[in-house]
Structures are given as C-alpha cells and as structure tokens.
C-alpha atoms as a PDB file:
ATOM      1  CA  MET A   1     -48.592   3.562  38.452  1.00  0.00           C
ATOM      2  CA  PHE A   2     -49.430   1.891  34.997  1.00  0.00           C
ATOM      3  CA  LYS A   3     -47.850   5.175  33.707  1.00  0.00           C
ATOM      4  CA  GLN A   4     -44.611   4.373  35.671  1.00  0.00           C
ATOM      5  CA  SER A   5     -44.370   0.795  34.719  1.00  0.00           C
ATOM      6  CA  LYS A   6     -44.862   1.684  31.032  1.00  0.00           C
ATOM      7  CA  LEU A   7     -42.368   4.161  31.109  1.00  0.00           C
ATOM      8  CA  VAL A   8     -39.819   1.795  33.589  1.00  0.00           C
ATOM      9  CA  SER A   9     -40.612  -0.906  30.390  1.00  0.00           C
ATOM     10  CA  ALA A  10     -39.876   1.833  28.025  1.00  0.00           C
ATOM     11  CA  LEU A  11     -36.461   2.530  29.738  1.00  0.00           C
ATOM     12  CA  ALA A  12     -35.533  -0.872  30.009  1.00  0.00           C
ATOM     13  CA  VAL A  13     -36.260  -1.604  26.130  1.00  0.00           C
ATOM     14  CA  ALA A  14     -33.856   1.761  24.986  1.00  0.00           C
ATOM     15  CA  GLY A  15     -31.191   0.283  27.278  1.00  0.00           C
ATOM     16  CA  VAL A  16     -31.819  -3.092  25.699  1.00  0.00           C
ATOM     17  CA  ALA A  17     -31.088  -1.567  22.138  1.00  0.00           C
ATOM     18  CA  PHE A  18     -29.121   0.946  23.560  1.00  0.00           C
ATOM     19  CA  PHE A  19     -26.412  -1.712  24.979  1.00  0.00           C
ATOM     20  CA  GLY A  20     -27.222  -4.016  21.845  1.00  0.00           C
ATOM     21  CA  ALA A  21     -26.285  -0.790  19.700  1.00  0.00           C
ATOM     22  CA  GLN A  22     -23.019  -0.776  21.348  1.00  0.00           C
ATOM     23  CA  ALA A  23     -22.255  -4.578  21.097  1.00  0.00           C
ATOM     24  CA  ALA A  24     -23.231  -4.407  17.662  1.00  0.00           C
ATOM     25  CA  HIS A  25     -20.826  -0.853  17.146  1.00  0.00           C
ATOM     26  CA  ALA A  26     -17.956  -2.979  18.903  1.00  0.00           C
ATOM     27  CA  GLN A  27     -17.725  -5.412  16.317  1.00  0.00           C
ATOM     28  CA  VAL A  28     -15.769  -3.262  14.021  1.00  0.00           C
ATOM     29  CA  VAL A  29     -12.208  -3.889  12.490  1.00  0.00           C
ATOM     30  CA  LYS A  30     -10.836  -0.316  11.624  1.00  0.00           C
ATOM     31  CA  ILE A  31      -8.054  -0.254   8.801  1.00  0.00           C
ATOM     32  CA  ASP A  32      -6.677   2.552   6.648  1.00  0.00           C
ATOM     33  CA  GLY A  33      -3.332   3.688   5.117  1.00  0.00           C
ATOM     34  CA  SER A  34      -1.819   2.523   1.892  1.00  0.00           C
ATOM     35  CA  SER A  35      -4.070   2.790  -1.490  1.00  0.00           C
ATOM     36  CA  THR A  36      -1.503  -0.182  -2.958  1.00  0.00           C
ATOM     37  CA  VAL A  37      -2.074  -2.273  -0.346  1.00  0.00           C
ATOM     38  CA  TYR A  38      -5.676  -1.640  -0.309  1.00  0.00           C
ATOM     39  CA  PRO A  39      -6.539  -4.246  -3.003  1.00  0.00           C
ATOM     40  CA  ILE A  40      -5.618  -7.102  -0.651  1.00  0.00           C
ATOM     41  CA  THR A  41      -7.245  -5.599   2.546  1.00  0.00           C
ATOM     42  CA  GLU A  42     -10.168  -4.729   0.602  1.00  0.00           C
ATOM     43  CA  ALA A  43     -10.542  -8.288  -0.643  1.00  0.00           C
ATOM     44  CA  VAL A  44     -10.066  -9.847   2.654  1.00  0.00           C
ATOM     45  CA  ALA A  45     -12.612  -7.817   4.309  1.00  0.00           C
ATOM     46  CA  GLU A  46     -15.095  -8.649   1.844  1.00  0.00           C
ATOM     47  CA  GLU A  47     -14.598 -12.616   2.215  1.00  0.00           C
ATOM     48  CA  PHE A  48     -14.416 -11.994   5.971  1.00  0.00           C
ATOM     49  CA  GLN A  49     -17.596  -9.900   6.396  1.00  0.00           C
ATOM     50  CA  LYS A  50     -19.234 -12.692   3.963  1.00  0.00           C
ATOM     51  CA  ALA A  51     -17.904 -15.723   6.398  1.00  0.00           C
ATOM     52  CA  LYS A  52     -19.119 -13.682   9.510  1.00  0.00           C
ATOM     53  CA  LYS A  53     -22.415 -13.213   7.651  1.00  0.00           C
ATOM     54  CA  ASN A  54     -21.699  -9.681   8.606  1.00  0.00           C
ATOM     55  CA  ALA A  55     -21.638  -9.735  12.311  1.00  0.00           C
ATOM     56  CA  VAL A  56     -18.135  -7.861  12.179  1.00  0.00           C
ATOM     57  CA  LYS A  57     -17.927  -4.792  10.142  1.00  0.00           C
ATOM     58  CA  VAL A  58     -14.508  -3.813   8.758  1.00  0.00           C
ATOM     59  CA  THR A  59     -13.870  -0.378   7.389  1.00  0.00           C
ATOM     60  CA  VAL A  60     -10.878   0.023   5.113  1.00  0.00           C
ATOM     61  CA  GLY A  61      -9.443   3.668   4.429  1.00  0.00           C
ATOM     62  CA  ILE A  62      -6.820   5.049   1.834  1.00  0.00           C
ATOM     63  CA  SER A  63      -5.192   8.074   3.407  1.00  0.00           C
ATOM     64  CA  GLY A  64      -2.052   6.519   1.779  1.00  0.00           C
ATOM     65  CA  THR A  65       0.902   4.759   4.224  1.00  0.00           C
ATOM     66  CA  GLY A  66       1.638   8.304   5.956  1.00  0.00           C
ATOM     67  CA  GLY A  67      -1.863   9.233   6.764  1.00  0.00           C
ATOM     68  CA  GLY A  68      -2.709   5.490   7.747  1.00  0.00           C
ATOM     69  CA  PHE A  69       0.365   5.275  10.279  1.00  0.00           C
ATOM     70  CA  LYS A  70      -0.719   8.821  11.289  1.00  0.00           C
ATOM     71  CA  LYS A  71      -3.967   8.045  12.494  1.00  0.00           C
ATOM     72  CA  PHE A  72      -2.429   4.139  13.699  1.00  0.00           C
ATOM     73  CA  CYS A  73      -0.069   5.852  16.051  1.00  0.00           C
ATOM     74  CA  ARG A  74      -2.927   7.912  17.595  1.00  0.00           C
ATOM     75  CA  GLY A  75      -4.658   4.764  18.121  1.00  0.00           C
ATOM     76  CA  GLU A  76      -7.659   5.364  15.833  1.00  0.00           C
ATOM     77  CA  THR A  77      -7.127   2.192  14.059  1.00  0.00           C
ATOM     78  CA  ASP A  78      -6.599  -1.554  15.033  1.00  0.00           C
ATOM     79  CA  ILE A  79      -4.451  -2.342  11.470  1.00  0.00           C
ATOM     80  CA  ALA A  80      -2.710   0.025   8.843  1.00  0.00           C
ATOM     81  CA  ASN A  81      -1.869  -0.807   5.548  1.00  0.00           C
ATOM     82  CA  ALA A  82       1.179   0.070   4.350  1.00  0.00           C
ATOM     83  CA  SER A  83       3.208   0.360   0.790  1.00  0.00           C
ATOM     84  CA  ARG A  84       6.629   0.578   2.685  1.00  0.00           C
ATOM     85  CA  PRO A  85       8.300  -0.030   6.281  1.00  0.00           C
ATOM     86  CA  ILE A  86       7.376   2.195   9.287  1.00  0.00           C
ATOM     87  CA  LEU A  87       9.792   5.205   9.358  1.00  0.00           C
ATOM     88  CA  LYS A  88      11.859   6.400  12.006  1.00  0.00           C
ATOM     89  CA  LYS A  89       9.627   9.307  12.986  1.00  0.00           C
ATOM     90  CA  GLU A  90       6.526   6.920  12.800  1.00  0.00           C
ATOM     91  CA  MET A  91       8.046   4.752  15.110  1.00  0.00           C
ATOM     92  CA  GLU A  92       8.409   7.897  17.652  1.00  0.00           C
ATOM     93  CA  ALA A  93       5.220   9.226  17.480  1.00  0.00           C
ATOM     94  CA  CYS A  94       3.812   5.308  18.183  1.00  0.00           C
ATOM     95  CA  LYS A  95       6.186   5.198  21.177  1.00  0.00           C
ATOM     96  CA  GLU A  96       5.460   8.780  22.132  1.00  0.00           C
ATOM     97  CA  ALA A  97       1.615   7.678  22.511  1.00  0.00           C
ATOM     98  CA  GLY A  98       2.353   4.088  23.646  1.00  0.00           C
ATOM     99  CA  ILE A  99       1.209   2.201  20.146  1.00  0.00           C
ATOM    100  CA  GLU A 100       3.014  -0.617  19.444  1.00  0.00           C
ATOM    101  CA  TYR A 101       2.617  -2.599  16.560  1.00  0.00           C
ATOM    102  CA  ILE A 102       3.593  -5.932  14.920  1.00  0.00           C
ATOM    103  CA  GLU A 103       4.811  -6.102  11.230  1.00  0.00           C
ATOM    104  CA  LEU A 104       3.524  -8.318   8.671  1.00  0.00           C
ATOM    105  CA  PRO A 105       4.414  -8.529   5.087  1.00  0.00           C
ATOM    106  CA  VAL A 106       1.456  -9.589   2.893  1.00  0.00           C
ATOM    107  CA  ALA A 107       2.649  -9.543  -0.531  1.00  0.00           C
ATOM    108  CA  PHE A 108       5.276  -8.242  -3.325  1.00  0.00           C
ATOM    109  CA  ASP A 109       4.367  -5.157  -5.765  1.00  0.00           C
ATOM    110  CA  ALA A 110       5.940  -4.067  -8.627  1.00  0.00           C
ATOM    111  CA  LEU A 111       5.945  -0.804  -8.582  1.00  0.00           C
ATOM    112  CA  THR A 112       5.001   0.017 -12.204  1.00  0.00           C
ATOM    113  CA  VAL A 113       5.550   3.224 -14.678  1.00  0.00           C
ATOM    114  CA  VAL A 114       2.493   3.555 -17.148  1.00  0.00           C
ATOM    115  CA  MET A 115       1.697   5.625 -20.136  1.00  0.00           C
ATOM    116  CA  ASN A 116      -0.954   6.421 -22.513  1.00  0.00           C
ATOM    117  CA  PRO A 117      -1.431   3.258 -24.681  1.00  0.00           C
ATOM    118  CA  LYS A 118      -1.402   5.827 -27.905  1.00  0.00           C
ATOM    119  CA  ASN A 119       2.710   6.804 -27.091  1.00  0.00           C
ATOM    120  CA  SER A 120       4.703   5.276 -29.892  1.00  0.00           C
ATOM    121  CA  PHE A 121       8.024   6.180 -28.939  1.00  0.00           C
ATOM    122  CA  LEU A 122       8.689   5.179 -25.546  1.00  0.00           C
ATOM    123  CA  LYS A 123       9.885   1.639 -25.749  1.00  0.00           C
ATOM    124  CA  GLU A 124      11.838   1.814 -22.420  1.00  0.00           C
ATOM    125  CA  ILE A 125      12.887   4.114 -19.936  1.00  0.00           C
ATOM    126  CA  THR A 126      16.277   3.931 -17.556  1.00  0.00           C
ATOM    127  CA  VAL A 127      16.688   4.817 -13.957  1.00  0.00           C
ATOM    128  CA  GLU A 128      18.493   8.004 -15.080  1.00  0.00           C
ATOM    129  CA  GLN A 129      16.055   9.336 -17.133  1.00  0.00           C
ATOM    130  CA  LEU A 130      13.413   8.840 -14.619  1.00  0.00           C
ATOM    131  CA  LYS A 131      15.075  10.641 -12.491  1.00  0.00           C
ATOM    132  CA  ALA A 132      16.206  13.495 -15.087  1.00  0.00           C
ATOM    133  CA  MET A 133      12.212  13.655 -14.848  1.00  0.00           C
ATOM    134  CA  TRP A 134      11.202  13.392 -10.891  1.00  0.00           C
ATOM    135  CA  GLU A 135      14.031  14.733  -9.151  1.00  0.00           C
ATOM    136  CA  PRO A 136      13.428  18.234  -7.863  1.00  0.00           C
ATOM    137  CA  ALA A 137      15.919  20.277 -10.101  1.00  0.00           C
ATOM    138  CA  ALA A 138      13.676  19.063 -12.806  1.00  0.00           C
ATOM    139  CA  GLN A 139      10.882  21.190 -11.098  1.00  0.00           C
ATOM    140  CA  GLY A 140      10.039  23.953 -14.034  1.00  0.00           C
ATOM    141  CA  LYS A 141      13.324  22.844 -16.433  1.00  0.00           C
ATOM    142  CA  ILE A 142      12.353  19.630 -17.343  1.00  0.00           C
ATOM    143  CA  THR A 143       9.181  20.258 -19.477  1.00  0.00           C
ATOM    144  CA  LYS A 144       9.437  18.498 -22.817  1.00  0.00           C
ATOM    145  CA  TRP A 145      10.101  15.050 -23.655  1.00  0.00           C
ATOM    146  CA  ASN A 146      12.992  15.597 -25.919  1.00  0.00           C
ATOM    147  CA  GLN A 147      15.260  17.413 -22.569  1.00  0.00           C
ATOM    148  CA  VAL A 148      15.195  13.888 -21.539  1.00  0.00           C
ATOM    149  CA  ASN A 149      16.154  12.015 -24.643  1.00  0.00           C
ATOM    150  CA  PRO A 150      16.737  14.356 -27.817  1.00  0.00           C
ATOM    151  CA  ALA A 151      15.241  10.832 -30.094  1.00  0.00           C
ATOM    152  CA  TRP A 152      11.829  11.948 -28.215  1.00  0.00           C
ATOM    153  CA  PRO A 153       9.350  14.516 -29.452  1.00  0.00           C
ATOM    154  CA  ASP A 154       9.313  17.638 -28.621  1.00  0.00           C
ATOM    155  CA  ALA A 155       5.993  17.591 -27.086  1.00  0.00           C
ATOM    156  CA  PRO A 156       4.836  18.417 -23.185  1.00  0.00           C
ATOM    157  CA  ILE A 157       5.724  15.949 -20.454  1.00  0.00           C
ATOM    158  CA  LYS A 158       2.588  15.548 -18.264  1.00  0.00           C
ATOM    159  CA  LEU A 159       3.427  13.486 -14.668  1.00  0.00           C
ATOM    160  CA  PHE A 160       1.118  11.699 -12.351  1.00  0.00           C
ATOM    161  CA  GLY A 161       2.447  10.142  -9.167  1.00  0.00           C
ATOM    162  CA  ALA A 162       1.662   9.206  -5.964  1.00  0.00           C
ATOM    163  CA  GLY A 163       1.045  12.486  -3.171  1.00  0.00           C
ATOM    164  CA  ALA A 164       3.093  12.874  -0.154  1.00  0.00           C
ATOM    165  CA  ASP A 165       1.352  11.191   2.017  1.00  0.00           C
ATOM    166  CA  SER A 166       2.070   7.614   0.128  1.00  0.00           C
ATOM    167  CA  GLY A 167       4.188   5.180   0.811  1.00  0.00           C
ATOM    168  CA  THR A 168       4.441   4.879  -3.278  1.00  0.00           C
ATOM    169  CA  PHE A 169       5.769   8.501  -3.000  1.00  0.00           C
ATOM    170  CA  ASP A 170       8.309   7.437  -0.431  1.00  0.00           C
ATOM    171  CA  TYR A 171       9.251   4.665  -2.356  1.00  0.00           C
ATOM    172  CA  PHE A 172       9.857   5.778  -5.732  1.00  0.00           C
ATOM    173  CA  THR A 173      11.472   8.885  -4.721  1.00  0.00           C
ATOM    174  CA  GLU A 174      14.196   6.590  -2.560  1.00  0.00           C
ATOM    175  CA  ALA A 175      14.801   3.987  -5.623  1.00  0.00           C
ATOM    176  CA  ILE A 176      14.564   6.594  -8.428  1.00  0.00           C
ATOM    177  CA  VAL A 177      16.111   9.940  -7.012  1.00  0.00           C
ATOM    178  CA  GLY A 178      17.960   8.169  -4.172  1.00  0.00           C
ATOM    179  CA  LYS A 179      16.451  10.037  -1.271  1.00  0.00           C
ATOM    180  CA  ALA A 180      12.721   9.150   0.265  1.00  0.00           C
ATOM    181  CA  LYS A 181      10.502  11.698  -0.511  1.00  0.00           C
ATOM    182  CA  SER A 182      12.598  13.968  -2.925  1.00  0.00           C
ATOM    183  CA  SER A 183      10.951  15.036  -5.834  1.00  0.00           C
ATOM    184  CA  ARG A 184       9.650  18.025  -7.965  1.00  0.00           C
ATOM    185  CA  GLY A 185       6.478  19.210  -7.179  1.00  0.00           C
ATOM    186  CA  ASP A 186       4.685  20.421 -10.157  1.00  0.00           C
ATOM    187  CA  TYR A 187       2.865  17.176 -11.128  1.00  0.00           C
ATOM    188  CA  THR A 188      -0.583  15.761 -10.826  1.00  0.00           C
ATOM    189  CA  ALA A 189      -0.518  13.951  -7.449  1.00  0.00           C
ATOM    190  CA  SER A 190      -3.334  11.956  -5.491  1.00  0.00           C
ATOM    191  CA  GLU A 191      -2.948   9.193  -2.524  1.00  0.00           C
ATOM    192  CA  ASP A 192      -6.012   7.847  -4.931  1.00  0.00           C
ATOM    193  CA  ASP A 193      -4.442   5.757  -7.357  1.00  0.00           C
ATOM    194  CA  ASN A 194      -7.691   5.639  -9.314  1.00  0.00           C
ATOM    195  CA  VAL A 195      -6.899   9.699 -10.298  1.00  0.00           C
ATOM    196  CA  LEU A 196      -3.814   8.752 -11.640  1.00  0.00           C
ATOM    197  CA  VAL A 197      -5.218   6.087 -13.817  1.00  0.00           C
ATOM    198  CA  GLN A 198      -7.529   8.886 -15.141  1.00  0.00           C
ATOM    199  CA  GLY A 199      -4.926  10.961 -15.953  1.00  0.00           C
ATOM    200  CA  VAL A 200      -2.481   9.222 -17.543  1.00  0.00           C
ATOM    201  CA  SER A 201      -5.231   7.202 -19.385  1.00  0.00           C
ATOM    202  CA  ARG A 202      -6.447  10.338 -20.988  1.00  0.00           C
ATOM    203  CA  ASP A 203      -3.605  12.396 -21.906  1.00  0.00           C
ATOM    204  CA  VAL A 204      -0.913  10.912 -24.504  1.00  0.00           C
ATOM    205  CA  ASN A 205       1.577  12.610 -22.941  1.00  0.00           C
ATOM    206  CA  ALA A 206       1.361  11.538 -19.640  1.00  0.00           C
ATOM    207  CA  ILE A 207       3.385   9.218 -17.688  1.00  0.00           C
ATOM    208  CA  GLY A 208       2.870   8.058 -13.964  1.00  0.00           C
ATOM    209  CA  TYR A 209       3.491   5.679 -11.407  1.00  0.00           C
ATOM    210  CA  PHE A 210       1.562   3.487  -8.968  1.00  0.00           C
ATOM    211  CA  GLY A 211       1.145  -0.315  -7.526  1.00  0.00           C
ATOM    212  CA  TYR A 212       0.549  -2.836 -10.285  1.00  0.00           C
ATOM    213  CA  ALA A 213      -2.389  -3.956  -8.829  1.00  0.00           C
ATOM    214  CA  TYR A 214      -4.288  -0.618 -10.660  1.00  0.00           C
ATOM    215  CA  TYR A 215      -2.098  -1.141 -13.588  1.00  0.00           C
ATOM    216  CA  ALA A 216      -3.292  -5.076 -14.008  1.00  0.00           C
ATOM    217  CA  GLU A 217      -7.201  -3.153 -13.532  1.00  0.00           C
ATOM    218  CA  ASN A 218      -6.754  -0.995 -16.469  1.00  0.00           C
ATOM    219  CA  LYS A 219      -4.475  -2.640 -18.940  1.00  0.00           C
ATOM    220  CA  ALA A 220      -6.854  -1.372 -21.883  1.00  0.00           C
ATOM    221  CA  LYS A 221      -6.398   2.142 -20.444  1.00  0.00           C
ATOM    222  CA  LEU A 222      -2.763   2.445 -19.939  1.00  0.00           C
ATOM    223  CA  LYS A 223       0.880   0.539 -20.954  1.00  0.00           C
ATOM    224  CA  ALA A 224       3.345   0.065 -18.770  1.00  0.00           C
ATOM    225  CA  VAL A 225       7.206   0.936 -19.377  1.00  0.00           C
ATOM    226  CA  PRO A 226      10.320  -1.158 -19.410  1.00  0.00           C
ATOM    227  CA  ILE A 227      12.859  -0.068 -16.833  1.00  0.00           C
ATOM    228  CA  VAL A 228      16.525  -0.494 -17.749  1.00  0.00           C
ATOM    229  CA  GLU A 229      18.080  -0.329 -14.121  1.00  0.00           C
ATOM    230  CA  LYS A 230      21.332  -0.197 -15.264  1.00  0.00           C
ATOM    231  CA  THR A 231      22.893   0.710 -18.434  1.00  0.00           C
ATOM    232  CA  GLY A 232      24.209  -2.971 -19.996  1.00  0.00           C
ATOM    233  CA  LYS A 233      21.242  -4.388 -18.388  1.00  0.00           C
ATOM    234  CA  PRO A 234      17.764  -5.845 -20.424  1.00  0.00           C
ATOM    235  CA  ALA A 235      14.735  -3.351 -20.088  1.00  0.00           C
ATOM    236  CA  VAL A 236      12.293  -5.429 -17.883  1.00  0.00           C
ATOM    237  CA  LEU A 237       8.060  -5.153 -17.473  1.00  0.00           C
ATOM    238  CA  PRO A 238       6.873  -5.924 -14.517  1.00  0.00           C
ATOM    239  CA  SER A 239       5.042  -9.212 -13.578  1.00  0.00           C
ATOM    240  CA  GLU A 240       5.239 -11.952 -10.799  1.00  0.00           C
ATOM    241  CA  GLU A 241       8.028 -13.799 -12.797  1.00  0.00           C
ATOM    242  CA  SER A 242      10.243 -10.693 -12.397  1.00  0.00           C
ATOM    243  CA  VAL A 243       9.449 -10.077  -8.976  1.00  0.00           C
ATOM    244  CA  LEU A 244       9.956 -13.308  -8.173  1.00  0.00           C
ATOM    245  CA  LYS A 245      13.224 -13.730 -10.067  1.00  0.00           C
ATOM    246  CA  GLY A 246      14.376 -10.588  -8.548  1.00  0.00           C
ATOM    247  CA  SER A 247      15.212  -9.093 -12.026  1.00  0.00           C
ATOM    248  CA  TYR A 248      12.334  -6.129 -12.095  1.00  0.00           C
ATOM    249  CA  GLN A 249      14.733  -3.491 -10.051  1.00  0.00           C
ATOM    250  CA  PRO A 250      14.437  -1.539  -8.388  1.00  0.00           C
ATOM    251  CA  LEU A 251      10.971  -1.012  -8.262  1.00  0.00           C
ATOM    252  CA  SER A 252       9.863  -4.144  -6.593  1.00  0.00           C
ATOM    253  CA  ARG A 253       9.002  -3.917  -3.351  1.00  0.00           C
ATOM    254  CA  PRO A 254       7.206  -5.738  -0.229  1.00  0.00           C
ATOM    255  CA  ILE A 255       4.047  -4.593   1.406  1.00  0.00           C
ATOM    256  CA  PHE A 256       2.415  -4.659   4.872  1.00  0.00           C
ATOM    257  CA  ILE A 257      -0.235  -4.703   7.213  1.00  0.00           C
ATOM    258  CA  TYR A 258       0.609  -3.657  10.963  1.00  0.00           C
ATOM    259  CA  ILE A 259      -1.456  -4.594  13.898  1.00  0.00           C
ATOM    260  CA  ASN A 260      -1.692  -2.825  17.053  1.00  0.00           C
ATOM    261  CA  PRO A 261      -1.061  -5.950  19.505  1.00  0.00           C
ATOM    262  CA  LYS A 262      -4.091  -4.168  22.319  1.00  0.00           C
ATOM    263  CA  SER A 263      -6.535  -4.389  19.007  1.00  0.00           C
ATOM    264  CA  LEU A 264      -5.828  -8.694  18.923  1.00  0.00           C
ATOM    265  CA  ASP A 265      -7.583  -8.749  22.472  1.00  0.00           C
ATOM    266  CA  LYS A 266     -10.593  -7.640  20.730  1.00  0.00           C
ATOM    267  CA  PRO A 267     -11.992 -11.422  18.880  1.00  0.00           C
ATOM    268  CA  GLU A 268     -12.898  -9.694  15.959  1.00  0.00           C
ATOM    269  CA  VAL A 269      -9.451  -8.673  15.144  1.00  0.00           C
ATOM    270  CA  LYS A 270      -7.735 -12.020  15.596  1.00  0.00           C
ATOM    271  CA  GLU A 271     -10.304 -13.775  13.632  1.00  0.00           C
ATOM    272  CA  PHE A 272      -9.666 -11.027  10.838  1.00  0.00           C
ATOM    273  CA  VAL A 273      -5.615 -11.280  11.073  1.00  0.00           C
ATOM    274  CA  GLU A 274      -5.715 -14.992  11.136  1.00  0.00           C
ATOM    275  CA  PHE A 275      -8.214 -15.125   8.005  1.00  0.00           C
ATOM    276  CA  TYR A 276      -6.058 -12.685   6.271  1.00  0.00           C
ATOM    277  CA  MET A 277      -2.693 -15.015   6.846  1.00  0.00           C
ATOM    278  CA  LYS A 278      -4.978 -18.069   5.728  1.00  0.00           C
ATOM    279  CA  ASN A 279      -6.530 -16.314   2.410  1.00  0.00           C
ATOM    280  CA  ALA A 280      -3.535 -13.744   1.522  1.00  0.00           C
ATOM    281  CA  SER A 281      -2.215 -16.241  -1.073  1.00  0.00           C
ATOM    282  CA  LYS A 282      -4.924 -16.517  -2.814  1.00  0.00           C
ATOM    283  CA  LEU A 283      -6.416 -12.928  -3.154  1.00  0.00           C
ATOM    284  CA  THR A 284      -3.174 -11.530  -3.428  1.00  0.00           C
ATOM    285  CA  GLN A 285      -3.129 -13.238  -6.795  1.00  0.00           C
ATOM    286  CA  GLU A 286      -7.029 -12.192  -7.633  1.00  0.00           C
ATOM    287  CA  VAL A 287      -6.066  -9.182  -6.685  1.00  0.00           C
ATOM    288  CA  LYS A 288      -2.523  -8.993  -9.350  1.00  0.00           C
ATOM    289  CA  TYR A 289      -0.207  -8.852  -6.709  1.00  0.00           C
ATOM    290  CA  VAL A 290       2.875 -11.515  -5.735  1.00  0.00           C
ATOM    291  CA  PRO A 291       1.916 -13.540  -3.024  1.00  0.00           C
ATOM    292  CA  LEU A 292       4.827 -14.659  -0.764  1.00  0.00           C
ATOM    293  CA  PRO A 293       5.869 -18.380  -0.157  1.00  0.00           C
ATOM    294  CA  ALA A 294       3.496 -20.181   2.068  1.00  0.00           C
ATOM    295  CA  LYS A 295       5.842 -20.420   4.928  1.00  0.00           C
ATOM    296  CA  ALA A 296       5.915 -16.737   4.809  1.00  0.00           C
ATOM    297  CA  TYR A 297       2.230 -16.449   6.141  1.00  0.00           C
ATOM    298  CA  THR A 298       2.823 -19.144   8.828  1.00  0.00           C
ATOM    299  CA  VAL A 299       5.675 -17.370  10.339  1.00  0.00           C
ATOM    300  CA  ASN A 300       3.651 -14.293  10.399  1.00  0.00           C
ATOM    301  CA  MET A 301       0.923 -15.911  12.435  1.00  0.00           C
ATOM    302  CA  GLU A 302       3.291 -17.223  15.065  1.00  0.00           C
ATOM    303  CA  HIS A 303       4.496 -13.374  15.252  1.00  0.00           C
ATOM    304  CA  VAL A 304       0.887 -12.714  16.258  1.00  0.00           C
ATOM    305  CA  ASP A 305       0.763 -15.716  18.285  1.00  0.00           C
ATOM    306  CA  LYS A 306       3.076 -14.616  20.271  1.00  0.00           C
ATOM    307  CA  ARG A 307       2.694 -11.054  19.423  1.00  0.00           C
ATOM    308  CA  LYS A 308       6.350 -10.303  18.299  1.00  0.00           C
ATOM    309  CA  LYS A 309       6.559  -6.118  18.455  1.00  0.00           C
ATOM    310  CA  GLY A 310       8.641  -4.143  15.929  1.00  0.00           C
ATOM    311  CA  THR A 311      10.146  -4.163  12.444  1.00  0.00           C
ATOM    312  CA  VAL A 312      12.763  -5.836  10.805  1.00  0.00           C
ATOM    313  CA  PHE A 313      13.638  -2.709   9.080  1.00  0.00           C
ATOM    314  CA  GLY A 314      15.674   0.306  10.287  1.00  0.00           C
ATOM    315  CA  GLY A 315      13.266   2.969  10.185  1.00  0.00           C
ATOM    316  CA  THR A 316      13.685   3.936   6.441  1.00  0.00           C
ATOM    317  CA  ALA A 317      12.218   3.182   3.114  1.00  0.00           C
ATOM    318  CA  GLU A 318      14.770   0.574   1.972  1.00  0.00           C
ATOM    319  CA  VAL A 319      15.146  -0.329  -1.576  1.00  0.00           C
ATOM    320  CA  GLY A 320      16.011  -3.979  -3.347  1.00  0.00           C
ATOM    321  CA  ILE A 321      15.000  -6.066  -1.010  1.00  0.00           C
ATOM    322  CA  THR A 322      14.099  -9.620  -2.034  1.00  0.00           C
ATOM    323  CA  ILE A 323      11.602 -11.810  -1.198  1.00  0.00           C
ATOM    324  CA  GLU A 324      14.345 -14.343  -0.151  1.00  0.00           C
ATOM    325  CA  GLU A 325      15.861 -11.608   2.081  1.00  0.00           C
ATOM    326  CA  LEU A 326      12.653 -10.401   3.961  1.00  0.00           C
ATOM    327  CA  GLN A 327      11.938 -13.934   4.567  1.00  0.00           C
ATOM    328  CA  LYS A 328      15.399 -14.371   6.288  1.00  0.00           C
ATOM    329  CA  ARG A 329      14.910 -11.050   8.175  1.00  0.00           C
ATOM    330  CA  GLU A 330      11.338 -12.128   9.247  1.00  0.00           C
ATOM    331  CA  ALA A 331      12.591 -15.524  10.214  1.00  0.00           C
ATOM    332  CA  LYS A 332      15.153 -14.100  12.654  1.00  0.00           C
ATOM    333  CA  ILE A 333      12.804 -11.712  15.023  1.00  0.00           C
END
C-alpha cells in the first residue's frame, strides 16, 4: 500500500511537472524570415523578454523572406519577417493551407551597395552599371571592372549578394535588373548578411549589397557606394534623410512583419505585437533603419485589433514606393 501511494505521488508530481513544462513551452512566440528585418525584430524580442522577465520566449530565425514565408504558410511560425511584400505564389500557398495574414510595415530600409574601403576608383555607380554587372547575361562574361566602365581598372569583380530565398534578392533584382529573381548566378550568395559583410571587407575588388543596418554596423570595414538613379541625376548615398526625402532611389523600400491572425489568440503573441508597435520607432532607429511616422504604428495596431487581413500590394516586389504612398495605401484597407 505504501509503495502504491508513493507511486501515485510520484506520478502526480511527474504530471504536474509535465503540464508545467507544457505551459512553459506554450509561452513561445515563433518568428522567422528576412535577415534585413532581423535586427529590428531581434531588438524588440530582447526588450520584450526583459519586460516579461523571461516568462515568454521569442525565437527569431533568419531563413530569408522566402524561407520565412514557406514556414509561415505551413503554420510553423506566428510571425514572418519580410523585406518585401508577400508574393502571389506565397499568397496561394498560404490560402491552400488555410493560413491568413495581417501585413504590418515596420520601417524603411535603404538597400545599400557596398565596396571595400581600400577601393580608390569607385566614386559612384549608376543603376545601368549595376545592371551590367548583375543581369543574367553578365554571367561568365562581365568579370572585370573595366568591362563595366573603361575608366575602371583591369581587375576582377568579386560579387557578393543575397541568396535566392532572400527578399533583398527579389527587391534588388526587380529594382536594378528590371525583373525579380533575374540575376547572374556566379557570385557569392548568402541569406546571412554577416557572411556578405565579411566577404566584401576582405577583398579590395569586392562589391555587394544588403540592408542598411548591416552596413551601419560595419562602417569601419565597408564603404557605401553612392547611387545614380538616372543620367543627369546626382549620386545619392543611403541615409535616413535621403530615404525620408525619397531621393535614394530605387533602393529605398518598406520592410514588414506578417502575423497569423490565429496566433493573436495566444496572449503572448498579442502582447508581443503590441510591444513591437509601441517600441518600433525607437528600436528601428537604434538598429539604423528609418522609422515610420508615429501614426503608421497606430494604424498598424488598429489593423491588428480589427484583424484586417491581406496585403496592400498586388503580390509583387514593387519598387520605388515612398513612405507617404505607403501610408495612403495602409489607411485605405
């Protein structure tokens, strides 16, 4: 009898421990996607976990915008980080799986073209020259700097850029080449921007591209290349000012988080999103992106409260949208 009661007691304790562990495990917010959006979301996650005294765990992965949407549309995550709007094929994948989404712009990024700081000849670069380097026809043919501009040296071009699962890859190719995902393949590609930073910083003949936050964090190792959008226009460096003025084109872009509305039924996810919108402006600036106007974050929370689903984009990686235009669209849905 004594042994049996001990066993019952032990099972009861184990049961409490099991359900306690389940409850603890349930307090998780799962996020994956863009490496560009990662610095903002990770900063929010850190502050949120501190505020909750680590009672809630927030996991933030960086499988790229495309990889993040794949997980999101399979119902594996609560939130997707995205450096471009959701695409038609992703909208269809989500629809087939019964996954809906609330689209929230969180900041503007100045997608930055970077070179090695020891590069002494590259003072600026035009969109046409970038296209000549990166278009599919350049593969195996445009391999030296002087093939793009005869005034540049007879030295090899070492290219570093986003991987095919990256929203930055989609946006850059749309903006520079004229078609999303249209790119030469013979370059060093990664969804992890830190890999690209290291690559460009180690080779004097290197040039690459990624989100502004990674450039800002590594200014000692890299130089930003001023961009000439069209002949006759001035070369413009990426900065908060040039993004707000709309002069840094065509590489200025909104970046997003997408929320599964069903996940908002979990208090920890709803609280995290509220915390995100309240602190996005401050934390966005801290990680060197351009915050949206305060009203934009208020509108975002209204959309969350009303569960306004869908996208204000047509399922394409649209180029050239300004902060003002983005606000007008968001106000209409």
